[in-house]
Every structure is written in C-alpha cells, then in structure tokens.
C-alpha atoms as a PDB file:
ATOM      1  CA  LYS A   1      -0.120   0.110   0.256  1.00  0.00           C
ATOM      2  CA  ILE A   2       2.861   2.561   0.785  1.00  0.00           C
ATOM      3  CA  LYS A   3       4.362   1.777  -2.655  1.00  0.00           C
ATOM      4  CA  GLU A   4       0.825   2.503  -4.429  1.00  0.00           C
ATOM      5  CA  CYS A   5       0.415   5.536  -2.444  1.00  0.00           C
ATOM      6  CA  ALA A   6       3.861   6.815  -3.285  1.00  0.00           C
ATOM      7  CA  HIS A   7       3.239   6.027  -6.995  1.00  0.00           C
ATOM      8  CA  ARG A   8      -0.016   7.938  -6.923  1.00  0.00           C
ATOM      9  CA  ALA A   9       1.832  10.894  -5.211  1.00  0.00           C
ATOM     10  CA  GLU A  10       4.349  10.956  -8.107  1.00  0.00           C
ATOM     11  CA  LEU A  11       1.581  10.615 -10.765  1.00  0.00           C
ATOM     12  CA  ALA A  12       0.127  13.845  -9.020  1.00  0.00           C
ATOM     13  CA  ASN A  13       3.487  15.797  -9.367  1.00  0.00           C
ATOM     14  CA  ILE A  14       4.200  15.862  -5.647  1.00  0.00           C
ATOM     15  CA  ASP A  15       7.470  16.950  -5.151  1.00  0.00           C
ATOM     16  CA  ALA A  16       8.077  15.271  -1.826  1.00  0.00           C
ATOM     17  CA  ILE A  17       7.270  12.661   0.677  1.00  0.00           C
ATOM     18  CA  GLU A  18       7.980  12.953   4.524  1.00  0.00           C
ATOM     19  CA  VAL A  19       7.768   9.846   6.324  1.00  0.00           C
ATOM     20  CA  HIS A  20       6.285  10.625   9.771  1.00  0.00           C
ATOM     21  CA  GLY A  21       8.846   8.775  11.905  1.00  0.00           C
ATOM     22  CA  ASP A  22       7.072   9.173  14.896  1.00  0.00           C
ATOM     23  CA  ARG A  23       3.570   7.404  15.461  1.00  0.00           C
ATOM     24  CA  VAL A  24       3.831   3.735  14.132  1.00  0.00           C
ATOM     25  CA  VAL A  25       7.274   3.981  12.732  1.00  0.00           C
ATOM     26  CA  GLY A  26       8.613   5.687  15.732  1.00  0.00           C
ATOM     27  CA  SER A  27       6.721   3.401  18.049  1.00  0.00           C
ATOM     28  CA  LEU A  28       8.924   0.332  16.469  1.00  0.00           C
ATOM     29  CA  CYS A  29      12.060   2.067  16.674  1.00  0.00           C
ATOM     30  CA  SER A  30      11.489   2.900  20.314  1.00  0.00           C
ATOM     31  CA  THR A  31      13.174   0.750  23.229  1.00  0.00           C
ATOM     32  CA  ILE A  32      10.286   2.194  25.518  1.00  0.00           C
ATOM     33  CA  LEU A  33       7.156   1.143  23.362  1.00  0.00           C
ATOM     34  CA  ASN A  34       8.482  -1.687  21.394  1.00  0.00           C
ATOM     35  CA  HIS A  35       8.162  -4.952  23.325  1.00  0.00           C
ATOM     36  CA  ARG A  36       8.083  -7.435  20.332  1.00  0.00           C
ATOM     37  CA  SER A  37      10.065 -10.524  20.382  1.00  0.00           C
ATOM     38  CA  ASP A  38      10.162 -11.021  16.570  1.00  0.00           C
ATOM     39  CA  GLU A  39      12.179  -9.579  13.805  1.00  0.00           C
ATOM     40  CA  TYR A  40      10.711  -6.176  14.431  1.00  0.00           C
ATOM     41  CA  GLY A  41      11.675  -5.992  18.219  1.00  0.00           C
ATOM     42  CA  GLY A  42      14.756  -6.155  20.356  1.00  0.00           C
ATOM     43  CA  SER A  43      17.954  -5.148  18.575  1.00  0.00           C
ATOM     44  CA  PHE A  44      18.594  -1.750  17.005  1.00  0.00           C
ATOM     45  CA  GLU A  45      18.713  -3.445  13.796  1.00  0.00           C
ATOM     46  CA  ASN A  46      15.245  -5.058  14.064  1.00  0.00           C
ATOM     47  CA  ARG A  47      13.584  -1.913  15.676  1.00  0.00           C
ATOM     48  CA  ILE A  48      14.481   0.280  12.517  1.00  0.00           C
ATOM     49  CA  ARG A  49      13.592  -2.675  10.076  1.00  0.00           C
ATOM     50  CA  PHE A  50      10.011  -1.350   9.409  1.00  0.00           C
ATOM     51  CA  ALA A  51      11.158   2.312   9.035  1.00  0.00           C
ATOM     52  CA  LEU A  52      13.498   0.978   6.310  1.00  0.00           C
ATOM     53  CA  GLN A  53      11.087  -0.988   4.598  1.00  0.00           C
ATOM     54  CA  VAL A  54       8.940   2.042   4.447  1.00  0.00           C
ATOM     55  CA  VAL A  55      11.519   3.989   2.792  1.00  0.00           C
ATOM     56  CA  LYS A  56      12.435   1.268   0.473  1.00  0.00           C
ATOM     57  CA  ALA A  57       8.549   0.933  -0.709  1.00  0.00           C
ATOM     58  CA  ILE A  58       8.566   4.664  -1.267  1.00  0.00           C
ATOM     59  CA  LYS A  59      11.707   4.681  -3.506  1.00  0.00           C
ATOM     60  CA  GLU A  60      10.310   1.423  -5.338  1.00  0.00           C
ATOM     61  CA  GLY A  61       6.742   3.267  -6.137  1.00  0.00           C
ATOM     62  CA  ALA A  62       8.210   6.820  -6.762  1.00  0.00           C
ATOM     63  CA  PRO A  63      11.829   6.874  -7.596  1.00  0.00           C
ATOM     64  CA  SER A  64      11.716  10.574  -8.653  1.00  0.00           C
ATOM     65  CA  LEU A  65      10.183  11.627  -5.467  1.00  0.00           C
ATOM     66  CA  THR A  66      12.313  13.623  -2.613  1.00  0.00           C
ATOM     67  CA  ILE A  67      12.100  11.614   0.749  1.00  0.00           C
ATOM     68  CA  ASP A  68      12.301  13.705   3.898  1.00  0.00           C
ATOM     69  CA  TYR A  69      12.480  11.545   7.184  1.00  0.00           C
ATOM     70  CA  LYS A  70      11.014  12.938  10.413  1.00  0.00           C
ATOM     71  CA  LEU A  71      13.533  11.898  12.863  1.00  0.00           C
ATOM     72  CA  PRO A  72      11.909  11.748  16.301  1.00  0.00           C
ATOM     73  CA  ILE A  73      14.541  11.995  19.247  1.00  0.00           C
ATOM     74  CA  VAL A  74      13.831  11.204  22.837  1.00  0.00           C
ATOM     75  CA  THR A  75      15.424  13.976  24.591  1.00  0.00           C
ATOM     76  CA  LYS A  76      17.350  14.200  28.054  1.00  0.00           C
ATOM     77  CA  GLN A  77      16.111  16.995  30.328  1.00  0.00           C
ATOM     78  CA  LYS A  78      17.993  19.178  32.659  1.00  0.00           C
ATOM     79  CA  ASP A  79      16.917  16.899  35.397  1.00  0.00           C
ATOM     80  CA  GLY A  80      18.299  13.790  33.725  1.00  0.00           C
ATOM     81  CA  THR A  81      14.856  12.499  32.894  1.00  0.00           C
ATOM     82  CA  TYR A  82      13.977  11.692  29.280  1.00  0.00           C
ATOM     83  CA  LEU A  83      11.197  13.356  27.335  1.00  0.00           C
ATOM     84  CA  GLY A  84       9.373  11.375  24.507  1.00  0.00           C
ATOM     85  CA  LYS A  85       8.672   7.673  23.929  1.00  0.00           C
ATOM     86  CA  GLY A  86       8.295   6.965  20.077  1.00  0.00           C
ATOM     87  CA  GLY A  87      11.524   7.545  18.694  1.00  0.00           C
ATOM     88  CA  LEU A  88      15.293   6.836  19.462  1.00  0.00           C
ATOM     89  CA  VAL A  89      17.775   8.358  21.968  1.00  0.00           C
ATOM     90  CA  ILE A  90      20.419  10.709  20.472  1.00  0.00           C
ATOM     91  CA  GLU A  91      23.071   7.947  20.176  1.00  0.00           C
ATOM     92  CA  GLU A  92      20.762   5.648  18.146  1.00  0.00           C
ATOM     93  CA  ALA A  93      19.350   8.654  16.298  1.00  0.00           C
ATOM     94  CA  ILE A  94      22.907   9.505  15.009  1.00  0.00           C
ATOM     95  CA  GLN A  95      23.288   5.750  13.773  1.00  0.00           C
ATOM     96  CA  PHE A  96      19.793   5.722  12.225  1.00  0.00           C
ATOM     97  CA  ALA A  97      20.587   9.170  10.387  1.00  0.00           C
ATOM     98  CA  LYS A  98      23.496   7.608   8.566  1.00  0.00           C
ATOM     99  CA  ILE A  99      21.680   4.472   7.765  1.00  0.00           C
ATOM    100  CA  LEU A 100      18.712   6.648   6.289  1.00  0.00           C
ATOM    101  CA  GLU A 101      21.148   8.462   4.057  1.00  0.00           C
ATOM    102  CA  GLU A 102      22.830   5.188   2.955  1.00  0.00           C
ATOM    103  CA  ASN A 103      19.204   4.020   2.298  1.00  0.00           C
ATOM    104  CA  GLY A 104      18.332   6.757  -0.068  1.00  0.00           C
ATOM    105  CA  VAL A 105      16.779   9.220   2.000  1.00  0.00           C
ATOM    106  CA  ASP A 106      17.072  12.708   0.640  1.00  0.00           C
ATOM    107  CA  MET A 107      16.614  14.931   3.933  1.00  0.00           C
ATOM    108  CA  ILE A 108      16.222  14.629   7.570  1.00  0.00           C
ATOM    109  CA  HIS A 109      13.894  16.584   9.690  1.00  0.00           C
ATOM    110  CA  VAL A 110      14.935  16.430  13.409  1.00  0.00           C
ATOM    111  CA  GLY A 111      11.910  16.632  15.836  1.00  0.00           C
ATOM    112  CA  GLN A 112      11.109  15.789  19.541  1.00  0.00           C
ATOM    113  CA  ALA A 113       9.891  12.426  20.035  1.00  0.00           C
ATOM    114  CA  ASN A 114       6.157  12.246  21.175  1.00  0.00           C
ATOM    115  CA  HIS A 115       3.911   9.558  22.254  1.00  0.00           C
ATOM    116  CA  THR A 116       3.607  10.657  26.006  1.00  0.00           C
ATOM    117  CA  GLY A 117      -0.089  11.793  25.542  1.00  0.00           C
ATOM    118  CA  ASN A 118       1.028  15.368  25.942  1.00  0.00           C
ATOM    119  CA  MET A 119       1.012  17.512  23.032  1.00  0.00           C
ATOM    120  CA  ASN A 120       3.328  20.026  25.064  1.00  0.00           C
ATOM    121  CA  ASP A 121       6.130  17.848  24.377  1.00  0.00           C
ATOM    122  CA  THR A 122       6.374  18.647  20.651  1.00  0.00           C
ATOM    123  CA  ILE A 123       4.387  22.010  20.644  1.00  0.00           C
ATOM    124  CA  PRO A 124       5.409  23.841  23.831  1.00  0.00           C
ATOM    125  CA  ALA A 125       3.352  26.566  25.185  1.00  0.00           C
ATOM    126  CA  MET A 126       5.596  29.576  26.367  1.00  0.00           C
ATOM    127  CA  GLY A 127       7.720  29.319  29.213  1.00  0.00           C
ATOM    128  CA  THR A 128       7.822  25.448  29.253  1.00  0.00           C
ATOM    129  CA  ARG A 129      10.686  24.936  26.932  1.00  0.00           C
ATOM    130  CA  ASP A 130      13.953  26.763  25.989  1.00  0.00           C
ATOM    131  CA  TYR A 131      13.975  28.565  22.536  1.00  0.00           C
ATOM    132  CA  GLY A 132      15.539  26.348  19.927  1.00  0.00           C
ATOM    133  CA  PHE A 133      15.205  23.208  22.214  1.00  0.00           C
ATOM    134  CA  MET A 134      16.245  20.705  19.183  1.00  0.00           C
ATOM    135  CA  VAL A 135      19.292  22.588  18.182  1.00  0.00           C
ATOM    136  CA  GLU A 136      21.985  20.362  20.024  1.00  0.00           C
ATOM    137  CA  GLU A 137      20.287  17.312  18.488  1.00  0.00           C
ATOM    138  CA  ALA A 138      20.029  18.660  15.070  1.00  0.00           C
ATOM    139  CA  LYS A 139      23.750  19.744  15.318  1.00  0.00           C
ATOM    140  CA  ARG A 140      24.843  16.150  16.136  1.00  0.00           C
ATOM    141  CA  ILE A 141      22.857  14.627  13.223  1.00  0.00           C
ATOM    142  CA  LYS A 142      24.312  17.248  10.734  1.00  0.00           C
ATOM    143  CA  GLU A 143      27.742  16.288  11.742  1.00  0.00           C
ATOM    144  CA  VAL A 144      27.396  12.777  10.543  1.00  0.00           C
ATOM    145  CA  VAL A 145      25.209  13.362   7.196  1.00  0.00           C
ATOM    146  CA  SER A 146      25.763  14.946   3.910  1.00  0.00           C
ATOM    147  CA  ILE A 147      21.926  15.237   3.141  1.00  0.00           C
ATOM    148  CA  PRO A 148      20.070  18.323   4.206  1.00  0.00           C
ATOM    149  CA  VAL A 149      18.880  18.519   7.875  1.00  0.00           C
ATOM    150  CA  SER A 150      16.110  20.561   9.005  1.00  0.00           C
ATOM    151  CA  ILE A 151      15.041  21.594  12.422  1.00  0.00           C
ATOM    152  CA  VAL A 152      11.828  22.607  14.353  1.00  0.00           C
ATOM    153  CA  GLY A 153      11.226  23.499  18.010  1.00  0.00           C
ATOM    154  CA  ARG A 154      10.724  27.052  19.136  1.00  0.00           C
ATOM    155  CA  VAL A 155      12.779  29.039  16.517  1.00  0.00           C
ATOM    156  CA  CYS A 156      10.641  32.047  16.449  1.00  0.00           C
ATOM    157  CA  THR A 157      12.052  34.919  14.661  1.00  0.00           C
ATOM    158  CA  ALA A 158      13.914  35.286  11.094  1.00  0.00           C
ATOM    159  CA  GLN A 159      17.011  36.154  13.060  1.00  0.00           C
ATOM    160  CA  ALA A 160      17.234  33.125  15.170  1.00  0.00           C
ATOM    161  CA  ALA A 161      16.617  30.873  11.944  1.00  0.00           C
ATOM    162  CA  GLU A 162      19.469  32.752  10.034  1.00  0.00           C
ATOM    163  CA  SER A 163      21.907  32.187  13.029  1.00  0.00           C
ATOM    164  CA  LEU A 164      21.187  28.567  13.032  1.00  0.00           C
ATOM    165  CA  LEU A 165      22.072  28.485   9.214  1.00  0.00           C
ATOM    166  CA  GLU A 166      25.098  30.667   9.553  1.00  0.00           C
ATOM    167  CA  GLN A 167      26.397  28.431  12.143  1.00  0.00           C
ATOM    168  CA  GLY A 168      25.735  25.247  10.087  1.00  0.00           C
ATOM    169  CA  ILE A 169      23.605  23.667  12.670  1.00  0.00           C
ATOM    170  CA  CYS A 170      20.949  22.867   9.958  1.00  0.00           C
ATOM    171  CA  ASP A 171      20.223  23.566   6.343  1.00  0.00           C
ATOM    172  CA  ILE A 172      16.369  24.532   6.867  1.00  0.00           C
ATOM    173  CA  VAL A 173      14.257  25.828   9.537  1.00  0.00           C
ATOM    174  CA  ALA A 174      10.839  24.747   9.810  1.00  0.00           C
ATOM    175  CA  PHE A 175       8.239  27.163  11.212  1.00  0.00           C
ATOM    176  CA  GLY A 176       4.931  25.751  12.451  1.00  0.00           C
ATOM    177  CA  ARG A 177       2.723  27.867  14.745  1.00  0.00           C
ATOM    178  CA  SER A 178       4.570  31.035  13.373  1.00  0.00           C
ATOM    179  CA  LEU A 179       2.799  30.596  10.178  1.00  0.00           C
ATOM    180  CA  LEU A 180      -0.550  30.567  11.973  1.00  0.00           C
ATOM    181  CA  THR A 181       0.353  33.896  13.438  1.00  0.00           C
ATOM    182  CA  ASP A 182       1.650  35.210  10.349  1.00  0.00           C
ATOM    183  CA  PRO A 183       1.213  33.492   6.916  1.00  0.00           C
ATOM    184  CA  ASP A 184       3.332  36.176   5.111  1.00  0.00           C
ATOM    185  CA  LEU A 185       6.388  35.269   7.326  1.00  0.00           C
ATOM    186  CA  GLU A 186       8.187  34.108   4.360  1.00  0.00           C
ATOM    187  CA  GLU A 187       7.367  36.910   2.023  1.00  0.00           C
ATOM    188  CA  LYS A 188       8.262  39.509   4.591  1.00  0.00           C
ATOM    189  CA  ILE A 189      11.708  37.790   5.077  1.00  0.00           C
ATOM    190  CA  GLU A 190      12.446  37.941   1.502  1.00  0.00           C
ATOM    191  CA  GLN A 191      11.346  41.431   0.943  1.00  0.00           C
ATOM    192  CA  GLY A 192      13.248  42.490   3.946  1.00  0.00           C
ATOM    193  CA  ARG A 193      10.494  43.495   6.223  1.00  0.00           C
ATOM    194  CA  GLU A 194      11.343  41.530   9.314  1.00  0.00           C
ATOM    195  CA  ASP A 195      10.278  44.542  11.421  1.00  0.00           C
ATOM    196  CA  GLN A 196       6.619  43.717  10.290  1.00  0.00           C
ATOM    197  CA  ILE A 197       6.303  39.934  11.247  1.00  0.00           C
ATOM    198  CA  ARG A 198       3.736  39.271  13.543  1.00  0.00           C
ATOM    199  CA  HIS A 199       5.467  36.840  16.038  1.00  0.00           C
ATOM    200  CA  CYS A 200       4.030  33.684  17.650  1.00  0.00           C
ATOM    201  CA  ILE A 201       3.836  33.943  21.369  1.00  0.00           C
ATOM    202  CA  MET A 202       3.266  30.470  21.735  1.00  0.00           C
ATOM    203  CA  CYS A 203       0.295  30.799  23.929  1.00  0.00           C
ATOM    204  CA  ASN A 204      -1.239  27.558  22.476  1.00  0.00           C
ATOM    205  CA  LYS A 205      -4.659  29.222  22.953  1.00  0.00           C
ATOM    206  CA  GLY A 206      -5.990  29.276  19.618  1.00  0.00           C
ATOM    207  CA  CYS A 207      -4.065  26.339  17.954  1.00  0.00           C
ATOM    208  CA  THR A 208      -3.369  23.156  19.877  1.00  0.00           C
ATOM    209  CA  ASP A 209      -5.905  23.912  22.402  1.00  0.00           C
ATOM    210  CA  MET A 210      -8.527  24.184  20.114  1.00  0.00           C
ATOM    211  CA  ILE A 211      -7.205  20.715  18.301  1.00  0.00           C
ATOM    212  CA  GLN A 212      -7.641  19.027  21.689  1.00  0.00           C
ATOM    213  CA  LYS A 213     -11.202  20.513  22.052  1.00  0.00           C
ATOM    214  CA  GLY A 214     -12.215  19.518  18.580  1.00  0.00           C
ATOM    215  CA  ARG A 215     -12.541  22.723  17.119  1.00  0.00           C
ATOM    216  CA  PHE A 216     -11.034  24.751  14.101  1.00  0.00           C
ATOM    217  CA  LEU A 217      -7.536  26.344  14.330  1.00  0.00           C
ATOM    218  CA  SER A 218      -7.622  30.032  15.220  1.00  0.00           C
ATOM    219  CA  CYS A 219      -4.906  32.366  16.578  1.00  0.00           C
ATOM    220  CA  ILE A 220      -5.372  35.219  19.322  1.00  0.00           C
ATOM    221  CA  LEU A 221      -2.931  37.356  17.212  1.00  0.00           C
ATOM    222  CA  ASN A 222      -4.468  36.757  13.879  1.00  0.00           C
ATOM    223  CA  ALA A 223      -8.110  37.103  13.545  1.00  0.00           C
ATOM    224  CA  GLU A 224      -8.124  35.701  10.072  1.00  0.00           C
ATOM    225  CA  ASN A 225      -6.699  32.449  11.221  1.00  0.00           C
ATOM    226  CA  GLY A 226      -9.539  29.748  10.895  1.00  0.00           C
ATOM    227  CA  TYR A 227     -11.686  31.612   8.381  1.00  0.00           C
END
C-alpha cells in the first residue's frame, strides 16, 4: 500500500514525501514502546527494520520523489529524565541518520519524540521549554550526514533561524505555529520586512488547545486564522 500511495503521489506531481518517523514507525524504533520479540523488536537493527521497509517501498513506488524523514528524538532534560517515547535516543538517532542516508533518504527533519500523551512535548507553550530546544540534537545529526537537515522547535524569529543556518547547525528551519500567526512570514523575510512580522507568542490558545477541543484552528494574534 505504501508503494502504491507513493506512486499516486508521483503521478500527481508531488515533489516530496515525508515519512512521519513518530507514530507507528517511531513506536517500532523505540526501546520504550516496542516490546516485540520477533524480527521487528529487540535489537537496534530489528527496531528500525520497518522504517527502512517504508523508505524502500516509497523509493520503489516513486523513484523521482524526494524523501524527507522526520527523525523523532527522545531528549534528555535538565533533571536527567527523558522526554518522549516514540523515537530514538540521540546515540541511536545518530546511527539511524547515517543508515537513512545510505538507504536513499534525501533529507532529515529533526524533531522531538512524542507519544507521552502530552501535546506540549512537541508543541510547547510559552515558558515550558527553551527556545531552539532541538538545536543540539540537530547539530549532532548534521555532523554525520551529507544530506540536508531541517530543525523545528521554538525557533521564533527570522534572525534566530538565520543564525542557525550561518552556524551550520542545520540547512532548513521549519516554522509551525509562526505561520498561523503570520502566514506572510516568508514573504516579509524575502522582502526585508522582518520588522513587520507578527511573532507567535506560543500561548497555544488558538491552535493546539483548539485541536484538543475538536475545534478549528485560530490564533489570538491573527483574527483571520481559521476563517
């Protein structure tokens, strides 16, 4: 089915497919969630087996498409505890990133592992996590692969994004909530109008809070959002 789906995407002139390495794929990769005793559980090689089969199926079904792999990482917090379940700790993520490149993945998107049942893990509200909280992990992945690496996670301004690019920490910076607050962000950066960007304050009131309540997305700073 994956192969057929990828082929349909190629026929529709889609440019790229992102493998969502969290969810089912990340659960199988995880030492925390994966308790299988067959060829998909136990060793590192077994736990990443399904993920590589997904990549292979996409390449077979749509050889011309760019494959972006979202690589969820279980992060170590300041108190020594780990955050996230459906992904890999950084040491295994580094190994896996190299294997993904060897298997034809074109780009790696570094993100926080989820599956704790708390949306704040990956989309943190103001004050709950540091700015650029995935920077160190992205840097370590970038050091071992030659393909582009993108990052997401509380990178709020054009200046902060540019700094990460200049330092060689990543090749691409992904904006999520920031585009709900100001969908013209990219255009304003391109035109040198950074001073006119409406910045997300990460209150989560109009976006993630609404998702959990089953309502449409909005934004307290952008009255047009959701309409």
